[in-house]
Amino acid sequence: MSRQQQQSNVMNLSTTHLERTSHIQRQKSKIPATIISITQENPTIKSFLFSCLSPNKFTFLPGQWLDVFIPNIPTVGGFSLTSHPLSPHFQLAVKHSTHPPAKWFHEEAKVGDVVEVRVGGDFVWNDEEEKNDETRSVVMIAGGVGINPLMSMLDYMCECRDREAEEGILRDIRLLYSAKTYSELLFLERIESLKRNWSGNMVCTYYITKEEGMDSSNGSEFAYGRRISKDVIDTIVDAERDHSMKSKWFICGPPSMEDDVIGWLRARGIEEERIKFEKWW
């Protein structure tokens, strides 16, 4: 499917998750999973940890999402995994809304409830592909809950840091993460913990668009009252110039933000195969 067709699907808010992702490959079988813990991550987002009842049948790549089938809810949910595939359990982070699956998770779901899930998605970190491409540097750009699939990738990269360093897959990670307020920065402590333990170079910049102030944390930058702009992207492209052929860009956020960033990258001559994006929600 062309990007124009993807944009048309995304902008048609009357379509369902299954309709918007009908062109994307997914597993055929549905796997039952039990909620084993629930955490209020911030004022609008809860995370749910699941135990898979058929673990041998449940596999995924970092960045993929799940079709979620909830008993007595006709609408099928679509939520990105926020855990890495080496973990014995998997995690979803769900923002509260009136959408039936999200509403159920926030208002009715409890520990012990069972849902069925099915893995899908092609916005992924694939070790074999990145090794073949000799990827050395990754730039991740997230807006709002677009951090979810990138969290899965980042978690996995850091979990495998010793092996990947030995194989020369990845050295440098740069994260640009935009949210309206500081409290809406999902997984902030988790990201900063990964940053402290990363054996290579990791730079994190958080853009707080609706608040003013100044803050810092272990060398990470908090840019209050600012957005991820063309000037920001141009600066990073320049910084990555020496190894641009070994860099990858992973982008997930509101459609308008993704369109802007992808357009800026293309204008700077970044090759199409080095720009990865998620655009189904």
C-alpha atoms as a PDB file:
ATOM      1  CA  MET A   1       0.000   0.000   0.000  1.00  0.00           C
ATOM      2  CA  SER A   2       1.296   3.477  -0.872  1.00  0.00           C
ATOM      3  CA  ARG A   3       1.945   6.116   1.766  1.00  0.00           C
ATOM      4  CA  GLN A   4      -0.892   8.179   0.276  1.00  0.00           C
ATOM      5  CA  GLN A   5      -3.291   5.285   0.823  1.00  0.00           C
ATOM      6  CA  GLN A   6      -1.991   4.847   4.383  1.00  0.00           C
ATOM      7  CA  GLN A   7      -2.602   8.542   5.056  1.00  0.00           C
ATOM      8  CA  SER A   8      -6.122   8.227   3.684  1.00  0.00           C
ATOM      9  CA  ASN A   9      -6.823   5.312   6.016  1.00  0.00           C
ATOM     10  CA  VAL A  10      -5.415   7.152   9.033  1.00  0.00           C
ATOM     11  CA  MET A  11      -7.363  10.329   8.367  1.00  0.00           C
ATOM     12  CA  ASN A  12     -10.625   8.378   7.971  1.00  0.00           C
ATOM     13  CA  LEU A  13     -11.468   8.240  11.657  1.00  0.00           C
ATOM     14  CA  SER A  14     -14.639   6.252  10.956  1.00  0.00           C
ATOM     15  CA  THR A  15     -12.603   3.190  10.032  1.00  0.00           C
ATOM     16  CA  THR A  16     -11.760   0.530  12.582  1.00  0.00           C
ATOM     17  CA  HIS A  17      -8.316  -0.662  13.655  1.00  0.00           C
ATOM     18  CA  LEU A  18      -8.765  -3.829  11.595  1.00  0.00           C
ATOM     19  CA  GLU A  19      -9.724  -1.804   8.517  1.00  0.00           C
ATOM     20  CA  ARG A  20      -6.843   0.645   8.920  1.00  0.00           C
ATOM     21  CA  THR A  21      -4.356  -2.214   9.230  1.00  0.00           C
ATOM     22  CA  SER A  22      -5.888  -4.627   6.740  1.00  0.00           C
ATOM     23  CA  HIS A  23      -2.863  -4.241   4.438  1.00  0.00           C
ATOM     24  CA  ILE A  24      -0.394  -5.173   7.195  1.00  0.00           C
ATOM     25  CA  GLN A  25       0.667  -8.753   7.825  1.00  0.00           C
ATOM     26  CA  ARG A  26      -0.398 -10.326  11.112  1.00  0.00           C
ATOM     27  CA  GLN A  27      -0.442 -13.731  12.736  1.00  0.00           C
ATOM     28  CA  LYS A  28      -3.428 -15.942  11.952  1.00  0.00           C
ATOM     29  CA  SER A  29      -4.038 -17.399  15.403  1.00  0.00           C
ATOM     30  CA  LYS A  30      -5.347 -15.625  18.498  1.00  0.00           C
ATOM     31  CA  ILE A  31      -3.579 -16.354  21.785  1.00  0.00           C
ATOM     32  CA  PRO A  32      -5.236 -16.037  25.233  1.00  0.00           C
ATOM     33  CA  ALA A  33      -3.469 -13.863  27.799  1.00  0.00           C
ATOM     34  CA  THR A  34      -4.199 -12.946  31.425  1.00  0.00           C
ATOM     35  CA  ILE A  35      -3.728  -9.531  33.040  1.00  0.00           C
ATOM     36  CA  ILE A  36      -1.319  -9.994  35.960  1.00  0.00           C
ATOM     37  CA  SER A  37      -0.755  -6.358  36.997  1.00  0.00           C
ATOM     38  CA  ILE A  38      -2.068  -2.860  36.274  1.00  0.00           C
ATOM     39  CA  THR A  39      -0.113   0.381  36.775  1.00  0.00           C
ATOM     40  CA  GLN A  40      -1.295   3.984  36.506  1.00  0.00           C
ATOM     41  CA  GLU A  41       1.622   5.416  34.522  1.00  0.00           C
ATOM     42  CA  ASN A  42       0.349   9.005  34.339  1.00  0.00           C
ATOM     43  CA  PRO A  43      -3.022  10.786  34.591  1.00  0.00           C
ATOM     44  CA  THR A  44      -4.324   9.372  31.302  1.00  0.00           C
ATOM     45  CA  ILE A  45      -2.357   6.156  30.671  1.00  0.00           C
ATOM     46  CA  LYS A  46      -2.386   2.762  32.363  1.00  0.00           C
ATOM     47  CA  SER A  47      -0.003  -0.082  31.611  1.00  0.00           C
ATOM     48  CA  PHE A  48      -1.080  -3.716  31.708  1.00  0.00           C
ATOM     49  CA  LEU A  49       1.256  -6.662  32.203  1.00  0.00           C
ATOM     50  CA  PHE A  50       0.090  -9.954  30.711  1.00  0.00           C
ATOM     51  CA  SER A  51       0.987 -13.590  31.073  1.00  0.00           C
ATOM     52  CA  CYS A  52       0.497 -15.533  27.864  1.00  0.00           C
ATOM     53  CA  LEU A  53      -1.423 -18.781  28.298  1.00  0.00           C
ATOM     54  CA  SER A  54       0.302 -20.329  25.234  1.00  0.00           C
ATOM     55  CA  PRO A  55       3.825 -18.874  25.461  1.00  0.00           C
ATOM     56  CA  ASN A  56       5.281 -21.180  22.813  1.00  0.00           C
ATOM     57  CA  LYS A  57       2.880 -19.733  20.256  1.00  0.00           C
ATOM     58  CA  PHE A  58       3.451 -16.072  21.147  1.00  0.00           C
ATOM     59  CA  THR A  59       6.392 -14.377  19.447  1.00  0.00           C
ATOM     60  CA  PHE A  60       6.912 -10.826  18.250  1.00  0.00           C
ATOM     61  CA  LEU A  61       9.535  -8.367  17.072  1.00  0.00           C
ATOM     62  CA  PRO A  62      10.264  -5.125  18.958  1.00  0.00           C
ATOM     63  CA  GLY A  63       7.861  -2.465  17.701  1.00  0.00           C
ATOM     64  CA  GLN A  64       4.938  -4.689  16.724  1.00  0.00           C
ATOM     65  CA  TRP A  65       1.370  -4.254  17.925  1.00  0.00           C
ATOM     66  CA  LEU A  66      -1.482  -6.502  18.995  1.00  0.00           C
ATOM     67  CA  ASP A  67      -5.031  -6.972  17.866  1.00  0.00           C
ATOM     68  CA  VAL A  68      -6.826  -7.295  21.210  1.00  0.00           C
ATOM     69  CA  PHE A  69     -10.095  -9.231  21.429  1.00  0.00           C
ATOM     70  CA  ILE A  70     -12.018  -8.439  24.621  1.00  0.00           C
ATOM     71  CA  PRO A  71     -14.976 -10.599  25.747  1.00  0.00           C
ATOM     72  CA  ASN A  72     -18.339  -8.896  25.109  1.00  0.00           C
ATOM     73  CA  ILE A  73     -16.655  -5.945  23.320  1.00  0.00           C
ATOM     74  CA  PRO A  74     -17.377  -6.173  19.557  1.00  0.00           C
ATOM     75  CA  THR A  75     -14.693  -3.637  18.632  1.00  0.00           C
ATOM     76  CA  VAL A  76     -11.187  -5.063  18.265  1.00  0.00           C
ATOM     77  CA  GLY A  77      -8.481  -2.971  19.921  1.00  0.00           C
ATOM     78  CA  GLY A  78      -5.069  -2.211  18.500  1.00  0.00           C
ATOM     79  CA  PHE A  79      -2.237  -1.446  20.925  1.00  0.00           C
ATOM     80  CA  SER A  80       1.543  -1.364  20.495  1.00  0.00           C
ATOM     81  CA  LEU A  81       3.649  -3.626  22.680  1.00  0.00           C
ATOM     82  CA  THR A  82       5.864  -1.708  25.097  1.00  0.00           C
ATOM     83  CA  SER A  83       7.952  -4.659  26.273  1.00  0.00           C
ATOM     84  CA  HIS A  84      10.697  -6.570  24.503  1.00  0.00           C
ATOM     85  CA  PRO A  85      10.306 -10.161  23.230  1.00  0.00           C
ATOM     86  CA  LEU A  86      12.885 -11.615  25.622  1.00  0.00           C
ATOM     87  CA  SER A  87      10.681 -10.839  28.622  1.00  0.00           C
ATOM     88  CA  PRO A  88       8.568 -13.705  30.057  1.00  0.00           C
ATOM     89  CA  HIS A  89       5.544 -11.371  30.058  1.00  0.00           C
ATOM     90  CA  PHE A  90       4.314  -8.673  27.688  1.00  0.00           C
ATOM     91  CA  GLN A  91       3.091  -5.161  28.368  1.00  0.00           C
ATOM     92  CA  LEU A  92       0.631  -2.739  26.794  1.00  0.00           C
ATOM     93  CA  ALA A  93       0.197   0.948  27.637  1.00  0.00           C
ATOM     94  CA  VAL A  94      -3.317   2.236  26.968  1.00  0.00           C
ATOM     95  CA  LYS A  95      -4.458   5.854  26.906  1.00  0.00           C
ATOM     96  CA  HIS A  96      -7.941   6.533  28.240  1.00  0.00           C
ATOM     97  CA  SER A  97     -10.539   7.362  25.602  1.00  0.00           C
ATOM     98  CA  THR A  98     -14.141   6.633  24.685  1.00  0.00           C
ATOM     99  CA  HIS A  99     -12.984   4.011  22.189  1.00  0.00           C
ATOM    100  CA  PRO A 100     -14.583   0.793  23.535  1.00  0.00           C
ATOM    101  CA  PRO A 101     -11.380  -1.275  24.021  1.00  0.00           C
ATOM    102  CA  ALA A 102      -9.489   1.613  25.673  1.00  0.00           C
ATOM    103  CA  LYS A 103     -12.538   2.464  27.796  1.00  0.00           C
ATOM    104  CA  TRP A 104     -12.750  -1.169  28.937  1.00  0.00           C
ATOM    105  CA  PHE A 105      -9.088  -1.271  29.909  1.00  0.00           C
ATOM    106  CA  HIS A 106      -9.429   1.886  32.013  1.00  0.00           C
ATOM    107  CA  GLU A 107     -12.842   1.376  33.549  1.00  0.00           C
ATOM    108  CA  GLU A 108     -13.445  -2.373  33.766  1.00  0.00           C
ATOM    109  CA  ALA A 109     -10.262  -4.402  33.340  1.00  0.00           C
ATOM    110  CA  LYS A 110      -8.878  -6.082  36.444  1.00  0.00           C
ATOM    111  CA  VAL A 111      -6.128  -8.524  37.347  1.00  0.00           C
ATOM    112  CA  GLY A 112      -7.157 -12.018  36.273  1.00  0.00           C
ATOM    113  CA  ASP A 113      -9.165 -10.943  33.232  1.00  0.00           C
ATOM    114  CA  VAL A 114      -8.397 -12.867  30.036  1.00  0.00           C
ATOM    115  CA  VAL A 115      -8.278 -11.415  26.526  1.00  0.00           C
ATOM    116  CA  GLU A 116      -7.119 -12.843  23.191  1.00  0.00           C
ATOM    117  CA  VAL A 117      -4.295 -11.226  21.229  1.00  0.00           C
ATOM    118  CA  ARG A 118      -2.827 -11.476  17.745  1.00  0.00           C
ATOM    119  CA  VAL A 119       0.528 -10.021  16.688  1.00  0.00           C
ATOM    120  CA  GLY A 120       0.843  -7.705  13.683  1.00  0.00           C
ATOM    121  CA  GLY A 121       2.863  -4.835  12.312  1.00  0.00           C
ATOM    122  CA  ASP A 122       5.917  -4.160  10.165  1.00  0.00           C
ATOM    123  CA  PHE A 123       7.385  -1.172  12.054  1.00  0.00           C
ATOM    124  CA  VAL A 124      10.065  -3.202  13.806  1.00  0.00           C
ATOM    125  CA  TRP A 125      13.650  -3.519  14.915  1.00  0.00           C
ATOM    126  CA  ASN A 126      14.977  -6.640  13.204  1.00  0.00           C
ATOM    127  CA  ASP A 127      18.458  -7.733  14.284  1.00  0.00           C
ATOM    128  CA  GLU A 128      19.171  -9.654  11.107  1.00  0.00           C
ATOM    129  CA  GLU A 129      18.150  -6.761   8.854  1.00  0.00           C
ATOM    130  CA  GLU A 130      20.106  -4.199  10.866  1.00  0.00           C
ATOM    131  CA  LYS A 131      23.191  -6.398  10.889  1.00  0.00           C
ATOM    132  CA  ASN A 132      22.992  -6.787   7.108  1.00  0.00           C
ATOM    133  CA  ASP A 133      22.557  -3.009   6.768  1.00  0.00           C
ATOM    134  CA  GLU A 134      25.466  -2.435   9.189  1.00  0.00           C
ATOM    135  CA  THR A 135      23.329  -0.047  11.228  1.00  0.00           C
ATOM    136  CA  ARG A 136      25.514   1.795  13.723  1.00  0.00           C
ATOM    137  CA  SER A 137      23.316   4.718  14.714  1.00  0.00           C
ATOM    138  CA  VAL A 138      19.595   5.028  15.421  1.00  0.00           C
ATOM    139  CA  VAL A 139      17.501   8.181  15.766  1.00  0.00           C
ATOM    140  CA  MET A 140      14.105   7.649  17.405  1.00  0.00           C
ATOM    141  CA  ILE A 141      11.450  10.369  17.203  1.00  0.00           C
ATOM    142  CA  ALA A 142       8.296   9.989  19.299  1.00  0.00           C
ATOM    143  CA  GLY A 143       5.222  12.128  19.825  1.00  0.00           C
ATOM    144  CA  GLY A 144       2.824  11.361  22.681  1.00  0.00           C
ATOM    145  CA  VAL A 145       1.864   7.675  22.874  1.00  0.00           C
ATOM    146  CA  GLY A 146       4.014   7.145  19.784  1.00  0.00           C
ATOM    147  CA  ILE A 147       6.703   6.304  22.325  1.00  0.00           C
ATOM    148  CA  ASN A 148       5.087   2.872  22.824  1.00  0.00           C
ATOM    149  CA  PRO A 149       6.601   0.867  19.928  1.00  0.00           C
ATOM    150  CA  LEU A 150       9.878   2.766  20.296  1.00  0.00           C
ATOM    151  CA  MET A 151       9.963   1.773  23.967  1.00  0.00           C
ATOM    152  CA  SER A 152       9.799  -1.860  22.921  1.00  0.00           C
ATOM    153  CA  MET A 153      12.692  -1.341  20.501  1.00  0.00           C
ATOM    154  CA  LEU A 154      14.785   0.668  22.956  1.00  0.00           C
ATOM    155  CA  ASP A 155      14.227  -1.874  25.715  1.00  0.00           C
ATOM    156  CA  TYR A 156      15.302  -4.679  23.406  1.00  0.00           C
ATOM    157  CA  MET A 157      18.383  -2.844  22.138  1.00  0.00           C
ATOM    158  CA  CYS A 158      19.550  -2.244  25.688  1.00  0.00           C
ATOM    159  CA  GLU A 159      18.746  -5.797  26.784  1.00  0.00           C
ATOM    160  CA  CYS A 160      20.916  -7.101  23.924  1.00  0.00           C
ATOM    161  CA  ARG A 161      23.580  -4.392  24.195  1.00  0.00           C
ATOM    162  CA  ASP A 162      26.509  -6.761  24.866  1.00  0.00           C
ATOM    163  CA  ARG A 163      25.712  -9.074  21.954  1.00  0.00           C
ATOM    164  CA  GLU A 164      24.996  -6.202  19.591  1.00  0.00           C
ATOM    165  CA  ALA A 165      28.235  -4.471  20.571  1.00  0.00           C
ATOM    166  CA  GLU A 166      30.156  -7.660  19.832  1.00  0.00           C
ATOM    167  CA  GLU A 167      28.473  -8.006  16.447  1.00  0.00           C
ATOM    168  CA  GLY A 168      28.938  -4.307  15.701  1.00  0.00           C
ATOM    169  CA  ILE A 169      25.247  -3.706  15.045  1.00  0.00           C
ATOM    170  CA  LEU A 170      24.599  -0.601  17.097  1.00  0.00           C
ATOM    171  CA  ARG A 171      26.662   2.000  18.917  1.00  0.00           C
ATOM    172  CA  ASP A 172      24.723   5.253  19.139  1.00  0.00           C
ATOM    173  CA  ILE A 173      21.091   5.979  20.018  1.00  0.00           C
ATOM    174  CA  ARG A 174      19.406   9.369  19.930  1.00  0.00           C
ATOM    175  CA  LEU A 175      15.849   9.832  21.253  1.00  0.00           C
ATOM    176  CA  LEU A 176      13.664  12.882  20.612  1.00  0.00           C
ATOM    177  CA  TYR A 177      10.431  12.599  22.566  1.00  0.00           C
ATOM    178  CA  SER A 178       7.651  15.215  22.489  1.00  0.00           C
ATOM    179  CA  ALA A 179       4.719  15.501  24.923  1.00  0.00           C
ATOM    180  CA  LYS A 180       2.374  18.282  25.951  1.00  0.00           C
ATOM    181  CA  THR A 181       3.388  18.242  29.629  1.00  0.00           C
ATOM    182  CA  TYR A 182       6.113  16.752  31.812  1.00  0.00           C
ATOM    183  CA  SER A 183       3.579  14.404  33.430  1.00  0.00           C
ATOM    184  CA  GLU A 184       2.695  12.988  30.015  1.00  0.00           C
ATOM    185  CA  LEU A 185       6.246  11.788  29.356  1.00  0.00           C
ATOM    186  CA  LEU A 186       5.486   8.079  29.466  1.00  0.00           C
ATOM    187  CA  PHE A 187       8.244   5.738  30.699  1.00  0.00           C
ATOM    188  CA  LEU A 188      10.592   8.622  31.567  1.00  0.00           C
ATOM    189  CA  GLU A 189      12.273   6.854  34.487  1.00  0.00           C
ATOM    190  CA  ARG A 190      12.547   3.647  32.475  1.00  0.00           C
ATOM    191  CA  ILE A 191      14.178   5.454  29.545  1.00  0.00           C
ATOM    192  CA  GLU A 192      16.640   7.247  31.811  1.00  0.00           C
ATOM    193  CA  SER A 193      17.567   3.961  33.503  1.00  0.00           C
ATOM    194  CA  LEU A 194      18.271   2.375  30.117  1.00  0.00           C
ATOM    195  CA  LYS A 195      20.345   5.408  29.168  1.00  0.00           C
ATOM    196  CA  ARG A 196      22.514   5.068  32.281  1.00  0.00           C
ATOM    197  CA  ASN A 197      23.232   1.415  31.486  1.00  0.00           C
ATOM    198  CA  TRP A 198      23.769   1.708  27.731  1.00  0.00           C
ATOM    199  CA  SER A 199      27.343   0.824  26.836  1.00  0.00           C
ATOM    200  CA  GLY A 200      27.464   3.136  23.839  1.00  0.00           C
ATOM    201  CA  ASN A 201      26.366   6.735  23.376  1.00  0.00           C
ATOM    202  CA  MET A 202      22.709   7.570  24.113  1.00  0.00           C
ATOM    203  CA  VAL A 203      21.332  11.113  23.930  1.00  0.00           C
ATOM    204  CA  CYS A 204      17.763  11.875  25.043  1.00  0.00           C
ATOM    205  CA  THR A 205      15.948  15.169  24.464  1.00  0.00           C
ATOM    206  CA  TYR A 206      12.429  15.691  25.781  1.00  0.00           C
ATOM    207  CA  TYR A 207      10.258  18.410  24.205  1.00  0.00           C
ATOM    208  CA  ILE A 208       7.541  19.723  26.551  1.00  0.00           C
ATOM    209  CA  THR A 209       5.296  21.725  24.258  1.00  0.00           C
ATOM    210  CA  LYS A 210       2.675  23.153  26.651  1.00  0.00           C
ATOM    211  CA  GLU A 211       4.772  24.022  29.721  1.00  0.00           C
ATOM    212  CA  GLU A 212       7.539  26.479  30.530  1.00  0.00           C
ATOM    213  CA  GLY A 213      10.509  25.763  32.783  1.00  0.00           C
ATOM    214  CA  MET A 214      13.986  24.321  32.955  1.00  0.00           C
ATOM    215  CA  ASP A 215      15.110  20.891  34.085  1.00  0.00           C
ATOM    216  CA  SER A 216      17.811  18.299  33.510  1.00  0.00           C
ATOM    217  CA  SER A 217      18.417  14.656  34.400  1.00  0.00           C
ATOM    218  CA  ASN A 218      21.723  12.851  34.027  1.00  0.00           C
ATOM    219  CA  GLY A 219      22.671  14.914  31.003  1.00  0.00           C
ATOM    220  CA  SER A 220      19.323  14.595  29.199  1.00  0.00           C
ATOM    221  CA  GLU A 221      17.831  17.824  27.906  1.00  0.00           C
ATOM    222  CA  PHE A 222      14.320  19.047  28.649  1.00  0.00           C
ATOM    223  CA  ALA A 223      13.234  21.594  26.031  1.00  0.00           C
ATOM    224  CA  TYR A 224      10.233  23.401  27.480  1.00  0.00           C
ATOM    225  CA  GLY A 225       7.882  25.342  25.225  1.00  0.00           C
ATOM    226  CA  ARG A 226       9.509  23.866  22.117  1.00  0.00           C
ATOM    227  CA  ARG A 227       8.605  21.341  19.459  1.00  0.00           C
ATOM    228  CA  ILE A 228      10.608  18.985  17.276  1.00  0.00           C
ATOM    229  CA  SER A 229      11.208  21.424  14.427  1.00  0.00           C
ATOM    230  CA  LYS A 230      12.936  21.433  11.058  1.00  0.00           C
ATOM    231  CA  ASP A 231      15.938  23.154  12.651  1.00  0.00           C
ATOM    232  CA  VAL A 232      16.182  20.330  15.206  1.00  0.00           C
ATOM    233  CA  ILE A 233      16.083  17.688  12.462  1.00  0.00           C
ATOM    234  CA  ASP A 234      18.600  19.594  10.315  1.00  0.00           C
ATOM    235  CA  THR A 235      21.022  19.762  13.245  1.00  0.00           C
ATOM    236  CA  ILE A 236      20.794  16.006  13.818  1.00  0.00           C
ATOM    237  CA  VAL A 237      21.167  15.211  10.110  1.00  0.00           C
ATOM    238  CA  ASP A 238      24.339  17.307  10.113  1.00  0.00           C
ATOM    239  CA  ALA A 239      25.607  15.513  13.230  1.00  0.00           C
ATOM    240  CA  GLU A 240      24.917  12.126  11.604  1.00  0.00           C
ATOM    241  CA  ARG A 241      26.514  13.096   8.303  1.00  0.00           C
ATOM    242  CA  ASP A 242      29.745  11.127   8.767  1.00  0.00           C
ATOM    243  CA  HIS A 243      27.849   7.844   9.097  1.00  0.00           C
ATOM    244  CA  SER A 244      24.548   8.676   7.381  1.00  0.00           C
ATOM    245  CA  MET A 245      24.711   5.462   5.354  1.00  0.00           C
ATOM    246  CA  LYS A 246      24.733   3.474   8.579  1.00  0.00           C
ATOM    247  CA  SER A 247      21.963   5.390  10.363  1.00  0.00           C
ATOM    248  CA  LYS A 248      18.257   4.556  10.680  1.00  0.00           C
ATOM    249  CA  TRP A 249      15.380   6.855  11.640  1.00  0.00           C
ATOM    250  CA  PHE A 250      12.386   5.397  13.514  1.00  0.00           C
ATOM    251  CA  ILE A 251       9.381   7.741  13.780  1.00  0.00           C
ATOM    252  CA  CYS A 252       6.048   7.327  15.572  1.00  0.00           C
ATOM    253  CA  GLY A 253       3.633  10.067  16.573  1.00  0.00           C
ATOM    254  CA  PRO A 254       0.622  12.071  15.416  1.00  0.00           C
ATOM    255  CA  PRO A 255       0.216  11.894  11.617  1.00  0.00           C
ATOM    256  CA  SER A 256       0.967  15.597  11.076  1.00  0.00           C
ATOM    257  CA  MET A 257       4.203  15.343  13.067  1.00  0.00           C
ATOM    258  CA  GLU A 258       5.285  12.240  11.158  1.00  0.00           C
ATOM    259  CA  ASP A 259       4.549  13.905   7.821  1.00  0.00           C
ATOM    260  CA  ASP A 260       6.635  16.938   8.778  1.00  0.00           C
ATOM    261  CA  VAL A 261       9.630  14.935  10.001  1.00  0.00           C
ATOM    262  CA  ILE A 262       9.604  12.543   7.033  1.00  0.00           C
ATOM    263  CA  GLY A 263       9.372  15.499   4.641  1.00  0.00           C
ATOM    264  CA  TRP A 264      12.321  17.240   6.306  1.00  0.00           C
ATOM    265  CA  LEU A 265      14.413  14.073   6.129  1.00  0.00           C
ATOM    266  CA  ARG A 266      13.605  13.514   2.474  1.00  0.00           C
ATOM    267  CA  ALA A 267      14.492  17.117   1.710  1.00  0.00           C
ATOM    268  CA  ARG A 268      17.910  16.503   3.249  1.00  0.00           C
ATOM    269  CA  GLY A 269      18.468  13.481   1.057  1.00  0.00           C
ATOM    270  CA  ILE A 270      17.941  10.715   3.621  1.00  0.00           C
ATOM    271  CA  GLU A 271      17.281   7.518   1.699  1.00  0.00           C
ATOM    272  CA  GLU A 272      13.774   6.107   1.844  1.00  0.00           C
ATOM    273  CA  GLU A 273      14.916   2.730   3.215  1.00  0.00           C
ATOM    274  CA  ARG A 274      16.541   4.485   6.194  1.00  0.00           C
ATOM    275  CA  ILE A 275      13.269   6.126   7.280  1.00  0.00           C
ATOM    276  CA  LYS A 276      10.963   3.795   9.250  1.00  0.00           C
ATOM    277  CA  PHE A 277       7.572   4.952  10.489  1.00  0.00           C
ATOM    278  CA  GLU A 278       4.402   3.672  12.098  1.00  0.00           C
ATOM    279  CA  LYS A 279       1.165   5.077  10.736  1.00  0.00           C
ATOM    280  CA  TRP A 280      -1.967   3.119  11.463  1.00  0.00           C
ATOM    281  CA  TRP A 281      -3.664   4.830  14.393  1.00  0.00           C
END
